[in-house]
């Protein structure tokens, strides 16, 4: 069982992929990044995820869905765990859609 796991509300995959609220995604990405930075036991994988989430945030600021999805896919399951931990439900659904 993953630590901090909480169920996320069901969001339409089609809606998520076509109509992204970049402002909301940026907000959630920043929350996840802050959570990682506040962890005392940062490992190499957490640092890699942090970098990919920063790239995802940059992609959002440029309204670049392709780069956003690419970064979230690379960030992978560990990013999904962090997103669930802080209830970043929109980002969690996006990650699920690209994995």
Protein backbone atom coordinates (compact mmCIF):
# COMPACT_ATOMS: atom_id res chain seq x y z
CA UNK A 1 0.00 0.00 0.00
CA UNK A 2 1.30 3.46 -0.89
CA UNK A 3 1.79 5.96 1.90
CA UNK A 4 -0.61 8.92 1.86
CA UNK A 5 -2.81 7.24 -0.75
CA UNK A 6 -6.25 8.74 -1.07
CA UNK A 7 -8.79 8.03 -3.77
CA UNK A 8 -9.15 10.72 -6.37
CA UNK A 9 -12.50 11.65 -7.81
CA UNK A 10 -13.27 10.18 -11.20
CA UNK A 11 -12.53 12.72 -13.90
CA UNK A 12 -13.33 12.22 -17.54
CA UNK A 13 -10.19 11.11 -19.34
CA UNK A 14 -11.33 12.74 -22.56
CA UNK A 15 -12.10 16.02 -20.79
CA UNK A 16 -8.77 15.89 -18.96
CA UNK A 17 -6.77 15.40 -22.13
CA UNK A 18 -8.60 18.01 -24.23
CA UNK A 19 -9.41 20.80 -21.77
CA UNK A 20 -6.61 21.30 -19.29
CA UNK A 21 -6.92 24.01 -16.66
CA UNK A 22 -3.26 24.98 -16.75
CA UNK A 23 -3.65 27.35 -13.79
CA UNK A 24 -5.02 24.54 -11.61
CA UNK A 25 -2.34 22.12 -12.80
CA UNK A 26 0.42 24.63 -12.02
CA UNK A 27 -1.04 25.16 -8.56
CA UNK A 28 -1.11 21.42 -7.87
CA UNK A 29 2.37 20.86 -9.33
CA UNK A 30 3.73 23.53 -7.00
CA UNK A 31 2.04 21.86 -4.03
CA UNK A 32 3.59 18.51 -4.94
CA UNK A 33 7.02 20.07 -5.45
CA UNK A 34 6.81 21.79 -2.06
CA UNK A 35 5.85 18.47 -0.46
CA UNK A 36 8.93 16.81 -1.97
CA UNK A 37 11.19 19.67 -0.88
CA UNK A 38 9.87 19.44 2.68
CA UNK A 39 10.59 15.72 2.95
CA UNK A 40 13.56 14.87 5.17
CA UNK A 41 14.33 11.63 3.36
CA UNK A 42 14.73 12.78 -0.24
CA UNK A 43 16.21 10.00 -2.38
CA UNK A 44 17.55 10.19 -5.93
CA UNK A 45 14.19 9.17 -7.40
CA UNK A 46 12.41 11.98 -5.54
CA UNK A 47 14.89 14.51 -6.93
CA UNK A 48 14.34 13.20 -10.46
CA UNK A 49 10.56 13.48 -9.99
CA UNK A 50 11.03 17.02 -8.68
CA UNK A 51 12.90 17.96 -11.87
CA UNK A 52 10.24 16.44 -14.11
CA UNK A 53 7.48 18.23 -12.21
CA UNK A 54 9.38 21.50 -12.69
CA UNK A 55 9.50 20.76 -16.44
CA UNK A 56 5.77 20.00 -16.36
CA UNK A 57 5.12 23.34 -14.65
CA UNK A 58 7.16 25.13 -17.31
CA UNK A 59 5.18 23.32 -20.03
CA UNK A 60 1.92 24.49 -18.43
CA UNK A 61 3.13 28.08 -18.39
CA UNK A 62 3.76 27.69 -22.14
CA UNK A 63 0.37 25.96 -22.72
CA UNK A 64 2.32 22.98 -24.11
CA UNK A 65 0.26 19.82 -23.54
CA UNK A 66 2.76 17.60 -25.31
CA UNK A 67 5.65 18.56 -23.03
CA UNK A 68 3.38 18.42 -19.99
CA UNK A 69 2.37 14.84 -20.78
CA UNK A 70 5.96 13.88 -21.56
CA UNK A 71 7.23 15.17 -18.21
CA UNK A 72 4.40 13.59 -16.24
CA UNK A 73 5.01 10.25 -17.95
CA UNK A 74 8.71 10.37 -17.05
CA UNK A 75 7.86 11.39 -13.47
CA UNK A 76 5.72 8.24 -13.35
CA UNK A 77 4.33 6.27 -10.43
CA UNK A 78 6.37 8.07 -7.79
CA UNK A 79 4.86 11.38 -8.91
CA UNK A 80 1.43 9.78 -8.76
CA UNK A 81 2.14 8.71 -5.18
CA UNK A 82 3.14 12.25 -4.25
CA UNK A 83 0.08 13.71 -6.02
CA UNK A 84 -2.23 11.39 -4.11
CA UNK A 85 -0.44 12.23 -0.86
CA UNK A 86 -1.26 15.93 -1.18
CA UNK A 87 -4.67 15.43 -2.84
CA UNK A 88 -3.52 16.94 -6.14
CA UNK A 89 -6.37 15.19 -7.93
CA UNK A 90 -6.13 16.89 -11.33
CA UNK A 91 -2.42 16.10 -11.65
CA UNK A 92 -3.03 12.56 -10.39
CA UNK A 93 -5.61 11.98 -13.13
CA UNK A 94 -3.29 13.41 -15.79
CA UNK A 95 -0.49 11.10 -14.65
CA UNK A 96 -2.83 8.10 -14.73
CA UNK A 97 -3.83 9.01 -18.28
CA UNK A 98 -0.23 9.11 -19.54
CA UNK A 99 1.04 5.98 -17.77
